[in-house]
């Protein structure tokens, strides 16, 4: 893609035309209020002017610890318009986690609430704490609603995200002004065909890359409307929100689809929705099939990452293959390679590497990870194992999740997709444990509410039943060595199962 040296500010590209041409159109639905595009831009400008009054320097970091709300949007886009660098972070962490994030990002400003654990943190570079529930709204009301956009270039860093930290400390992932535009155009327009007539609702929150693209990038790039909800999502809450606002495009993750299915009483609740999207982890075919049976809607499963900002491989409308992540999204490239970087034959598992305009150019202050992940020619090593046949990509697990049993690679996903078909199984994760020096697959299973492990057979009886269930459906080298019944599986805040905790 040819680079431009002309001024390029993400906010102007996202919202400038909409504020001017459709200013009275609803941009945000939030609880009992709506925000139109003209008001949205005015409040973005106000936040930019607050930073100007505080004399924040361009490119200084502004850590955002806020629930999904209009204020989150004002602060995120207002920081970018001003030239500062917003850093949205997970709202469900501990004080020591926020101390790490504030120190690692070298943030000059923290935007949060008074009761947040981060409110107590002090660092040498943190100059201001702006509290959403104590003074910030008053500050916004006293400054001008007009502001010039910082004269950035499309390759300049606009914002950071932090990786989920499922295997260690979160890593800062800088993204440029052009990245969100590319991701929204490639997926939101190119795959989903989102237009200004759509209403978008994402269960994934704005501090995640997936949620940020769903809730800001795609709707504002297309002039659509977005539904924001501050609460932690529950199945009942999700159904209530869909029934109330009647979205046309729905974004979730597999665990949420599965949970909603178990609580869905009215099959017509999703009647307004034309497109369902899933990412975050592989969607089990069983969930795809049950969702389609209940709602009449196919789920477009895909894979994205914090580093790529949004989905780069996906199933497409009228072209879904359950059990696969789909095809490469236009604007991206993908290859499956071996340990030496050579492409593997069709159907064989290997390391997924990708290339595209929205992919980060490197982690913040992590030279070793950059050397490992950022490859020659602009390719990025995702850490995921995939196979590919006829242009369709099938997830095999994270690189460190794959099991080598008897010298043969075994995908935990394949075993999990068998187990999830059993009526007792709500969620499952398969990991390898060392048995007499050899890696053997074990399953950790949480049980459906309506299925009791009480009685004469108990958990041991169910474990034996599940062992037999797998052995009847898979070849011997993929049989489970054991099944553990657990109350719940450990997960990241994004809903991804933390297999590394089960391996310990």
Protein backbone atom coordinates (compact mmCIF):
# COMPACT_ATOMS: atom_id res chain seq x y z
CA UNK A 1 0.00 0.00 0.00
CA UNK A 2 1.41 3.37 -1.02
CA UNK A 3 2.12 5.58 1.97
CA UNK A 4 0.99 9.19 2.17
CA UNK A 5 2.89 12.01 3.84
CA UNK A 6 -0.24 14.14 4.10
CA UNK A 7 -1.74 14.80 7.54
CA UNK A 8 -3.84 11.83 8.60
CA UNK A 9 -5.71 11.68 11.90
CA UNK A 10 -7.79 8.60 12.70
CA UNK A 11 -10.64 10.65 14.22
CA UNK A 12 -11.04 12.85 11.15
CA UNK A 13 -11.05 9.78 8.91
CA UNK A 14 -13.59 7.93 11.08
CA UNK A 15 -16.01 10.69 11.99
CA UNK A 16 -15.41 13.90 10.07
CA UNK A 17 -17.80 13.14 7.22
CA UNK A 18 -20.50 11.68 9.46
CA UNK A 19 -20.50 14.65 11.84
CA UNK A 20 -20.84 17.01 8.87
CA UNK A 21 -23.30 15.06 6.71
CA UNK A 22 -25.42 13.07 9.20
CA UNK A 23 -24.88 14.92 12.45
CA UNK A 24 -28.36 14.15 13.83
CA UNK A 25 -28.06 10.40 13.22
CA UNK A 26 -27.67 8.24 16.33
CA UNK A 27 -24.09 7.12 16.80
CA UNK A 28 -24.41 5.50 20.26
CA UNK A 29 -27.22 3.83 22.17
CA UNK A 30 -26.39 3.73 25.87
CA UNK A 31 -28.89 2.74 28.54
CA UNK A 32 -31.70 5.34 28.33
CA UNK A 33 -29.74 7.87 26.25
CA UNK A 34 -28.59 8.31 22.68
CA UNK A 35 -25.66 10.29 21.30
CA UNK A 36 -25.82 11.61 17.74
CA UNK A 37 -22.76 12.05 15.52
CA UNK A 38 -22.62 15.82 15.99
CA UNK A 39 -22.68 15.51 19.79
CA UNK A 40 -20.15 12.70 19.62
CA UNK A 41 -17.65 14.85 17.75
CA UNK A 42 -18.30 17.82 20.06
CA UNK A 43 -17.49 15.74 23.15
CA UNK A 44 -14.43 14.23 21.50
CA UNK A 45 -13.25 17.79 20.91
CA UNK A 46 -13.98 18.70 24.51
CA UNK A 47 -11.82 15.85 25.80
CA UNK A 48 -9.03 16.91 23.46
CA UNK A 49 -9.28 20.41 24.91
CA UNK A 50 -9.11 19.06 28.48
CA UNK A 51 -5.78 17.44 27.59
CA UNK A 52 -4.65 20.73 26.05
CA UNK A 53 -5.50 22.62 29.26
CA UNK A 54 -3.48 20.05 31.23
CA UNK A 55 -0.59 20.67 28.81
CA UNK A 56 -0.25 17.00 27.94
CA UNK A 57 2.38 16.51 25.25
CA UNK A 58 1.65 14.78 21.95
CA UNK A 59 2.36 11.03 22.05
CA UNK A 60 2.11 10.89 25.87
CA UNK A 61 0.03 7.95 27.05
CA UNK A 62 -3.47 8.28 28.51
CA UNK A 63 -4.47 5.09 30.34
CA UNK A 64 -8.22 4.43 30.06
CA UNK A 65 -9.83 2.27 32.72
CA UNK A 66 -13.52 2.75 32.02
CA UNK A 67 -16.61 0.65 31.35
CA UNK A 68 -18.11 0.69 27.87
CA UNK A 69 -19.84 4.07 27.70
CA UNK A 70 -19.94 7.28 25.66
CA UNK A 71 -17.22 8.67 27.96
CA UNK A 72 -14.88 5.84 26.94
CA UNK A 73 -15.39 6.85 23.31
CA UNK A 74 -14.88 10.56 24.03
CA UNK A 75 -11.65 9.85 25.93
CA UNK A 76 -10.28 7.33 23.43
CA UNK A 77 -10.96 9.36 20.30
CA UNK A 78 -10.39 12.72 22.03
CA UNK A 79 -6.89 11.62 23.01
CA UNK A 80 -6.13 10.57 19.43
CA UNK A 81 -7.51 13.79 17.96
CA UNK A 82 -5.32 15.79 20.34
CA UNK A 83 -2.25 13.73 19.44
CA UNK A 84 -1.91 11.85 22.71
CA UNK A 85 -1.92 8.05 22.80
CA UNK A 86 -4.85 6.35 24.60
CA UNK A 87 -4.23 2.96 26.19
CA UNK A 88 -7.49 1.12 27.04
CA UNK A 89 -6.97 -1.59 29.66
CA UNK A 90 -8.96 -4.43 31.17
CA UNK A 91 -11.42 -3.29 33.85
CA UNK A 92 -11.22 -6.57 35.80
CA UNK A 93 -7.65 -6.56 37.09
CA UNK A 94 -6.01 -6.04 40.48
CA UNK A 95 -4.18 -3.00 41.84
CA UNK A 96 -0.76 -4.56 41.22
CA UNK A 97 -1.74 -5.25 37.60
CA UNK A 98 -2.65 -1.60 37.06
CA UNK A 99 0.61 -0.51 38.66
CA UNK A 100 2.45 -2.65 36.12
CA UNK A 101 0.41 -1.24 33.22
CA UNK A 102 0.87 2.37 34.34
CA UNK A 103 4.60 1.88 34.78
CA UNK A 104 5.11 -0.11 31.59
CA UNK A 105 3.15 2.36 29.44
CA UNK A 106 4.72 5.37 31.21
CA UNK A 107 1.24 6.92 31.21
CA UNK A 108 0.97 10.62 32.06
CA UNK A 109 -2.81 10.55 32.57
CA UNK A 110 -5.17 7.99 34.10
CA UNK A 111 -8.90 8.18 33.31
CA UNK A 112 -10.97 5.99 35.61
CA UNK A 113 -13.46 6.04 38.51
CA UNK A 114 -12.80 6.86 42.17
CA UNK A 115 -13.41 3.31 43.36
CA UNK A 116 -11.10 1.72 40.79
CA UNK A 117 -8.09 -0.19 42.20
CA UNK A 118 -5.93 1.89 39.84
CA UNK A 119 -6.99 5.10 41.60
CA UNK A 120 -4.62 4.26 44.46
CA UNK A 121 -1.58 3.71 42.24
CA UNK A 122 1.21 6.25 41.99
CA UNK A 123 4.04 6.25 39.48
CA UNK A 124 6.78 8.73 38.68
CA UNK A 125 5.34 9.62 35.26
CA UNK A 126 1.65 9.76 36.21
CA UNK A 127 0.76 13.46 36.46
CA UNK A 128 -3.05 13.48 36.39
CA UNK A 129 -5.93 11.26 37.47
CA UNK A 130 -9.25 12.17 35.87
CA UNK A 131 -12.25 10.55 37.56
CA UNK A 132 -15.37 9.92 35.51
CA UNK A 133 -17.52 10.20 38.62
CA UNK A 134 -15.76 13.18 40.20
CA UNK A 135 -15.02 16.28 38.17
CA UNK A 136 -14.26 15.05 34.65
CA UNK A 137 -17.75 15.74 33.31
CA UNK A 138 -17.59 19.25 34.79
CA UNK A 139 -14.25 19.81 33.07
CA UNK A 140 -15.75 18.73 29.75
CA UNK A 141 -18.61 21.20 30.15
CA UNK A 142 -16.26 24.17 30.63
CA UNK A 143 -14.08 23.77 27.51
CA UNK A 144 -14.77 24.47 23.85
CA UNK A 145 -16.48 21.87 21.66
CA UNK A 146 -14.24 22.76 18.72
CA UNK A 147 -10.72 21.40 18.23
CA UNK A 148 -8.26 20.97 15.41
CA UNK A 149 -6.98 17.48 14.70
CA UNK A 150 -3.32 16.81 15.46
CA UNK A 151 -1.41 16.67 12.17
CA UNK A 152 -0.29 13.06 12.40
CA UNK A 153 0.77 10.80 9.54
CA UNK A 154 -0.94 7.50 8.80
CA UNK A 155 2.13 5.58 10.04
CA UNK A 156 2.28 7.45 13.37
CA UNK A 157 1.20 5.55 16.49
CA UNK A 158 -2.38 6.46 17.45
CA UNK A 159 -3.13 4.14 20.39
CA UNK A 160 -1.95 1.09 22.28
CA UNK A 161 -3.65 -2.06 23.39
CA UNK A 162 -2.34 -4.66 25.78
CA UNK A 163 -2.26 -8.35 24.96
CA UNK A 164 -4.44 -10.46 27.25
CA UNK A 165 -1.45 -11.93 29.05
CA UNK A 166 -2.81 -15.47 28.92
CA UNK A 167 0.73 -16.84 29.15
CA UNK A 168 2.54 -14.09 31.05
CA UNK A 169 2.75 -10.33 31.55
CA UNK A 170 0.62 -8.31 29.10
CA UNK A 171 2.59 -6.71 26.28
CA UNK A 172 1.99 -3.21 24.92
CA UNK A 173 0.87 -3.33 21.28
CA UNK A 174 1.10 0.03 19.48
CA UNK A 175 -1.24 0.66 16.54
CA UNK A 176 -1.04 3.39 13.93
CA UNK A 177 -3.68 5.83 12.67
CA UNK A 178 -4.15 3.77 9.49
CA UNK A 179 -4.59 0.43 11.29
CA UNK A 180 -8.19 0.85 12.46
CA UNK A 181 -9.24 2.22 9.07
CA UNK A 182 -7.73 -0.79 7.29
CA UNK A 183 -9.30 -3.29 9.71
CA UNK A 184 -12.75 -1.68 9.48
CA UNK A 185 -12.64 -1.47 5.69
CA UNK A 186 -11.32 -5.01 5.23
CA UNK A 187 -13.68 -6.79 7.62
CA UNK A 188 -16.54 -4.42 8.43
CA UNK A 189 -17.12 -3.37 4.84
CA UNK A 190 -15.42 -6.14 2.88
CA UNK A 191 -16.86 -9.15 4.72
CA UNK A 192 -19.87 -7.99 6.76
CA UNK A 193 -21.05 -5.22 4.42
CA UNK A 194 -21.94 -2.98 7.37
CA UNK A 195 -23.68 0.24 6.32
CA UNK A 196 -25.14 3.32 8.00
CA UNK A 197 -28.44 1.43 8.33
CA UNK A 198 -26.97 -1.12 10.74
CA UNK A 199 -27.06 -1.21 14.54
CA UNK A 200 -24.03 -3.03 15.96
CA UNK A 201 -23.82 -4.75 19.36
CA UNK A 202 -20.65 -6.35 20.68
CA UNK A 203 -20.62 -8.45 23.83
CA UNK A 204 -16.81 -8.16 23.85
CA UNK A 205 -15.74 -4.96 25.58
CA UNK A 206 -14.00 -1.93 24.08
CA UNK A 207 -10.70 -2.54 25.87
CA UNK A 208 -10.20 -5.69 23.76
CA UNK A 209 -8.98 -5.38 20.17
CA UNK A 210 -11.99 -7.36 18.96
CA UNK A 211 -14.42 -5.23 20.97
CA UNK A 212 -12.72 -1.99 19.95
CA UNK A 213 -13.12 -2.80 16.28
CA UNK A 214 -16.70 -3.94 16.82
CA UNK A 215 -17.71 -0.95 18.93
CA UNK A 216 -15.73 1.94 17.44
CA UNK A 217 -13.87 1.05 14.25
CA UNK A 218 -16.56 -0.68 12.21
CA UNK A 219 -19.68 1.33 13.20
CA UNK A 220 -18.04 4.75 13.02
CA UNK A 221 -16.21 4.01 9.78
CA UNK A 222 -19.51 3.06 8.14
CA UNK A 223 -21.80 5.61 9.83
CA UNK A 224 -23.72 2.87 11.64
CA UNK A 225 -24.99 2.98 15.24
CA UNK A 226 -23.48 1.05 18.15
CA UNK A 227 -25.03 -0.26 21.37
CA UNK A 228 -22.77 0.13 24.42
CA UNK A 229 -23.43 -1.66 27.70
CA UNK A 230 -21.35 -1.01 30.84
CA UNK A 231 -22.22 -4.21 32.68
CA UNK A 232 -20.34 -7.46 32.68
CA UNK A 233 -22.24 -9.57 30.12
CA UNK A 234 -24.55 -12.32 31.35
CA UNK A 235 -26.67 -14.54 29.09
CA UNK A 236 -29.86 -12.90 30.40
CA UNK A 237 -28.36 -9.43 29.98
CA UNK A 238 -27.26 -10.12 26.41
CA UNK A 239 -30.72 -11.37 25.40
CA UNK A 240 -32.33 -8.36 27.10
CA UNK A 241 -30.02 -5.93 25.27
CA UNK A 242 -30.72 -7.56 21.91
CA UNK A 243 -34.47 -7.47 22.57
CA UNK A 244 -34.35 -3.82 23.61
CA UNK A 245 -32.16 -2.27 20.90
CA UNK A 246 -32.79 -4.71 18.02
CA UNK A 247 -29.24 -4.76 16.61
CA UNK A 248 -28.61 -6.07 13.11
CA UNK A 249 -24.99 -7.17 13.62
CA UNK A 250 -24.03 -9.17 16.71
CA UNK A 251 -20.47 -9.90 17.88
CA UNK A 252 -19.62 -12.49 20.54
CA UNK A 253 -17.19 -15.25 21.48
CA UNK A 254 -17.91 -19.00 21.58
CA UNK A 255 -18.43 -19.22 25.34
CA UNK A 256 -21.01 -16.42 25.14
CA UNK A 257 -22.92 -18.07 22.30
CA UNK A 258 -22.94 -21.31 24.26
CA UNK A 259 -24.13 -19.56 27.44
CA UNK A 260 -26.88 -17.64 25.64
CA UNK A 261 -28.13 -20.86 24.05
CA UNK A 262 -28.65 -22.39 27.48
CA UNK A 263 -30.74 -19.41 28.67
CA UNK A 264 -32.55 -18.55 25.42
CA UNK A 265 -36.28 -18.92 26.01
CA UNK A 266 -37.59 -17.05 22.97
CA UNK A 267 -36.10 -18.20 19.65
CA UNK A 268 -37.27 -14.94 18.03
CA UNK A 269 -35.16 -12.78 20.37
CA UNK A 270 -32.51 -12.45 17.65
CA UNK A 271 -35.01 -11.79 14.85
CA UNK A 272 -33.54 -8.34 14.13
CA UNK A 273 -30.01 -9.72 13.68
CA UNK A 274 -28.82 -10.42 10.13
CA UNK A 275 -25.20 -11.36 10.95
CA UNK A 276 -23.55 -13.08 13.92
CA UNK A 277 -19.77 -13.05 14.31
CA UNK A 278 -17.53 -15.04 16.64
CA UNK A 279 -13.82 -14.73 17.40
CA UNK A 280 -11.48 -15.08 20.36
CA UNK A 281 -11.25 -18.87 20.21
CA UNK A 282 -12.36 -21.61 17.83
CA UNK A 283 -16.13 -22.03 17.56
CA UNK A 284 -17.15 -25.67 18.12
CA UNK A 285 -19.28 -27.00 15.23
CA UNK A 286 -21.80 -28.20 17.83
CA UNK A 287 -22.38 -24.60 18.99
CA UNK A 288 -22.65 -23.41 15.37
CA UNK A 289 -25.28 -26.04 14.61
CA UNK A 290 -27.34 -25.48 17.76
CA UNK A 291 -27.29 -21.69 17.27
CA UNK A 292 -28.47 -22.05 13.67
CA UNK A 293 -31.19 -24.48 14.75
CA UNK A 294 -32.47 -22.13 17.47
CA UNK A 295 -32.13 -18.72 15.77
CA UNK A 296 -31.91 -19.52 12.06
CA UNK A 297 -28.61 -17.60 11.94
CA UNK A 298 -25.20 -18.86 10.93
CA UNK A 299 -22.23 -17.67 13.00
CA UNK A 300 -19.29 -16.31 11.03
CA UNK A 301 -16.35 -17.71 12.97
CA UNK A 302 -12.98 -16.04 12.49
CA UNK A 303 -9.61 -15.38 14.03
CA UNK A 304 -8.09 -12.05 14.93
CA UNK A 305 -5.56 -10.84 17.47
CA UNK A 306 -4.50 -7.81 19.46
CA UNK A 307 -1.47 -7.55 17.20
CA UNK A 308 -3.59 -7.54 14.01
CA UNK A 309 -6.31 -5.39 15.65
CA UNK A 310 -9.23 -7.36 14.24
CA UNK A 311 -10.26 -10.44 12.25
CA UNK A 312 -7.97 -11.49 9.38
CA UNK A 313 -9.34 -14.98 8.61
CA UNK A 314 -13.09 -15.55 8.62
CA UNK A 315 -16.06 -17.44 7.36
CA UNK A 316 -18.12 -15.31 4.99
CA UNK A 317 -21.86 -14.74 4.58
CA UNK A 318 -23.30 -17.62 2.52
CA UNK A 319 -19.94 -19.39 2.74
CA UNK A 320 -19.55 -20.98 6.16
CA UNK A 321 -17.71 -24.18 6.98
CA UNK A 322 -18.30 -25.16 10.61
CA UNK A 323 -15.11 -26.26 12.32
CA UNK A 324 -12.94 -23.92 10.27
CA UNK A 325 -11.92 -20.28 10.75
CA UNK A 326 -12.78 -19.66 7.10
CA UNK A 327 -10.78 -17.89 4.41
CA UNK A 328 -8.30 -15.02 4.42
CA UNK A 329 -10.00 -11.62 4.69
CA UNK A 330 -9.24 -9.35 1.69
CA UNK A 331 -6.35 -7.06 2.58
CA UNK A 332 -4.43 -9.76 4.46
CA UNK A 333 -2.16 -12.67 3.58
CA UNK A 334 -1.66 -15.89 5.52
CA UNK A 335 0.72 -18.84 5.28
CA UNK A 336 1.28 -22.01 7.30
CA UNK A 337 4.94 -22.80 7.80
CA UNK A 338 7.17 -25.30 9.58
CA UNK A 339 9.85 -24.54 12.18
CA UNK A 340 12.25 -23.38 9.44
CA UNK A 341 9.70 -21.05 7.85
CA UNK A 342 8.92 -23.24 4.84
CA UNK A 343 5.30 -23.59 3.75
CA UNK A 344 3.83 -26.96 4.67
CA UNK A 345 1.80 -29.15 2.27
CA UNK A 346 -1.97 -28.69 2.12
CA UNK A 347 -3.72 -30.33 5.07
CA UNK A 348 -0.66 -30.44 7.32
CA UNK A 349 -0.47 -28.48 10.57
CA UNK A 350 2.05 -25.72 11.02
CA UNK A 351 2.62 -22.22 12.36
CA UNK A 352 0.26 -19.52 11.09
CA UNK A 353 1.98 -16.34 9.92
CA UNK A 354 0.11 -13.32 8.57
CA UNK A 355 0.73 -10.02 6.85
CA UNK A 356 -1.54 -6.99 6.52
CA UNK A 357 -1.76 -3.24 6.92
CA UNK A 358 -3.28 -3.34 10.44
CA UNK A 359 -0.63 -5.64 11.94
CA UNK A 360 1.52 -3.97 14.61
CA UNK A 361 5.11 -3.16 13.76
CA UNK A 362 6.29 -4.47 17.13
CA UNK A 363 5.68 -4.67 20.87
CA UNK A 364 6.56 -1.84 23.22
CA UNK A 365 9.94 -2.37 24.83
CA UNK A 366 10.08 -6.12 24.07
CA UNK A 367 13.08 -6.70 21.76
CA UNK A 368 13.18 -10.47 22.31
CA UNK A 369 9.49 -10.95 21.47
CA UNK A 370 9.86 -8.65 18.47
CA UNK A 371 12.74 -10.74 17.17
CA UNK A 372 10.65 -13.89 17.59
CA UNK A 373 7.32 -12.59 16.23
CA UNK A 374 8.14 -9.88 13.66
CA UNK A 375 9.52 -11.69 10.63
CA UNK A 376 11.27 -10.57 7.47
CA UNK A 377 9.02 -9.07 4.83
CA UNK A 378 6.42 -7.78 7.28
CA UNK A 379 5.15 -11.23 8.31
CA UNK A 380 3.94 -11.80 11.87
CA UNK A 381 4.08 -15.11 13.73
CA UNK A 382 0.72 -15.50 15.46
CA UNK A 383 1.62 -18.38 17.78
CA UNK A 384 -1.35 -20.37 16.46
CA UNK A 385 -1.14 -23.78 14.83
CA UNK A 386 -3.33 -24.23 11.75
CA UNK A 387 -3.87 -26.45 8.77
CA UNK A 388 -5.23 -25.27 5.43
CA UNK A 389 -7.03 -27.04 2.64
CA UNK A 390 -8.71 -25.48 -0.40
CA UNK A 391 -8.18 -22.03 1.10
CA UNK A 392 -10.01 -22.81 4.35
CA UNK A 393 -8.06 -22.63 7.60
CA UNK A 394 -8.64 -25.04 10.46
CA UNK A 395 -7.44 -24.19 13.97
CA UNK A 396 -5.27 -26.84 15.64
CA UNK A 397 -4.40 -25.01 18.87
CA UNK A 398 -1.81 -22.61 20.20
CA UNK A 399 1.75 -23.63 19.48
CA UNK A 400 2.28 -24.66 23.09
CA UNK A 401 -1.13 -26.40 23.25
CA UNK A 402 -0.35 -29.03 20.61
CA UNK A 403 0.31 -32.52 21.95
CA UNK A 404 2.81 -34.99 20.57
CA UNK A 405 1.46 -38.44 21.43
CA UNK A 406 3.50 -41.43 20.32
CA UNK A 407 5.44 -39.18 17.95
CA UNK A 408 2.24 -37.91 16.28
CA UNK A 409 0.90 -34.36 16.64
CA UNK A 410 -2.57 -34.28 18.19
CA UNK A 411 -4.81 -31.20 18.22
CA UNK A 412 -6.63 -30.64 21.53
CA UNK A 413 -9.36 -28.88 19.56
CA UNK A 414 -10.30 -32.10 17.74
CA UNK A 415 -10.80 -33.95 21.03
CA UNK A 416 -12.69 -31.01 22.54
CA UNK A 417 -15.05 -30.89 19.56
CA UNK A 418 -15.96 -34.52 20.22
CA UNK A 419 -16.51 -34.04 23.96
CA UNK A 420 -18.70 -30.95 23.54
CA UNK A 421 -21.24 -33.15 21.73
CA UNK A 422 -21.92 -35.08 24.96
CA UNK A 423 -25.11 -33.91 26.70
CA UNK A 424 -23.35 -33.44 30.05
CA UNK A 425 -20.52 -31.21 28.81
CA UNK A 426 -20.83 -27.45 29.11
CA UNK A 427 -17.19 -26.50 28.47
CA UNK A 428 -14.03 -28.51 27.97
CA UNK A 429 -10.28 -28.02 27.63
CA UNK A 430 -7.78 -30.71 26.67
CA UNK A 431 -4.14 -30.40 27.74
CA UNK A 432 -1.13 -32.65 27.95
CA UNK A 433 0.29 -34.06 31.18
CA UNK A 434 3.49 -36.01 31.61
CA UNK A 435 2.87 -39.69 32.34
CA UNK A 436 6.04 -41.72 32.86
CA UNK A 437 7.97 -39.33 30.64
CA UNK A 438 5.38 -39.24 27.86
CA UNK A 439 2.80 -36.57 26.99
CA UNK A 440 -0.78 -37.81 27.35
CA UNK A 441 -4.05 -35.91 26.71
CA UNK A 442 -6.32 -35.13 29.66
CA UNK A 443 -9.68 -33.35 29.59
CA UNK A 444 -11.02 -30.81 32.09
CA UNK A 445 -14.81 -30.63 31.88
CA UNK A 446 -17.45 -28.37 33.40
CA UNK A 447 -20.91 -29.90 33.48
CA UNK A 448 -24.26 -28.48 32.33
CA UNK A 449 -26.54 -27.20 35.10
CA UNK A 450 -29.24 -29.72 34.32
CA UNK A 451 -26.83 -32.64 34.48
CA UNK A 452 -26.06 -33.78 38.01
CA UNK A 453 -22.93 -35.66 39.01
CA UNK A 454 -24.68 -36.76 42.17
CA UNK A 455 -25.96 -40.29 42.57
CA UNK A 456 -24.46 -43.75 42.39
CA UNK A 457 -22.14 -43.01 39.44
CA UNK A 458 -21.02 -39.52 40.48
CA UNK A 459 -18.09 -37.70 38.88
CA UNK A 460 -16.07 -40.89 38.50
CA UNK A 461 -18.89 -42.49 36.54
CA UNK A 462 -19.19 -39.48 34.25
CA UNK A 463 -15.43 -39.44 33.68
CA UNK A 464 -15.54 -43.08 32.60
CA UNK A 465 -18.50 -42.34 30.34
CA UNK A 466 -16.63 -39.49 28.66
CA UNK A 467 -13.51 -41.61 28.17
CA UNK A 468 -15.64 -44.18 26.36
CA UNK A 469 -17.42 -41.43 24.39
CA UNK A 470 -14.09 -40.27 22.94
CA UNK A 471 -12.67 -43.75 22.32
CA UNK A 472 -15.74 -44.64 20.25
CA UNK A 473 -15.20 -41.65 17.97
CA UNK A 474 -11.44 -41.11 17.59
CA UNK A 475 -8.43 -43.30 16.72
CA UNK A 476 -6.53 -44.84 19.61
CA UNK A 477 -3.61 -42.37 19.65
CA UNK A 478 -6.12 -39.55 20.29
CA UNK A 479 -7.83 -41.25 23.22
CA UNK A 480 -7.90 -39.44 26.54
CA UNK A 481 -5.76 -40.64 29.41
CA UNK A 482 -8.10 -39.09 31.98
CA UNK A 483 -11.04 -36.74 32.58
CA UNK A 484 -11.34 -34.27 35.45
CA UNK A 485 -14.76 -32.82 36.33
CA UNK A 486 -14.33 -29.20 37.50
CA UNK A 487 -16.73 -26.48 38.60
CA UNK A 488 -15.42 -24.04 36.00
CA UNK A 489 -12.45 -23.59 33.67
CA UNK A 490 -9.90 -20.80 34.22
CA UNK A 491 -10.28 -18.02 31.65
CA UNK A 492 -8.88 -14.68 30.66
CA UNK A 493 -11.17 -11.66 30.76
CA UNK A 494 -11.80 -12.21 27.03
CA UNK A 495 -13.28 -15.62 27.77
CA UNK A 496 -10.32 -17.58 26.44
CA UNK A 497 -9.56 -20.74 28.39
CA UNK A 498 -6.17 -20.54 30.14
CA UNK A 499 -4.82 -23.97 29.28
CA UNK A 500 -1.43 -23.12 30.75
CA UNK A 501 -3.03 -23.09 34.22
CA UNK A 502 -4.44 -26.55 33.63
CA UNK A 503 -1.05 -27.84 32.53
CA UNK A 504 0.56 -26.93 35.86
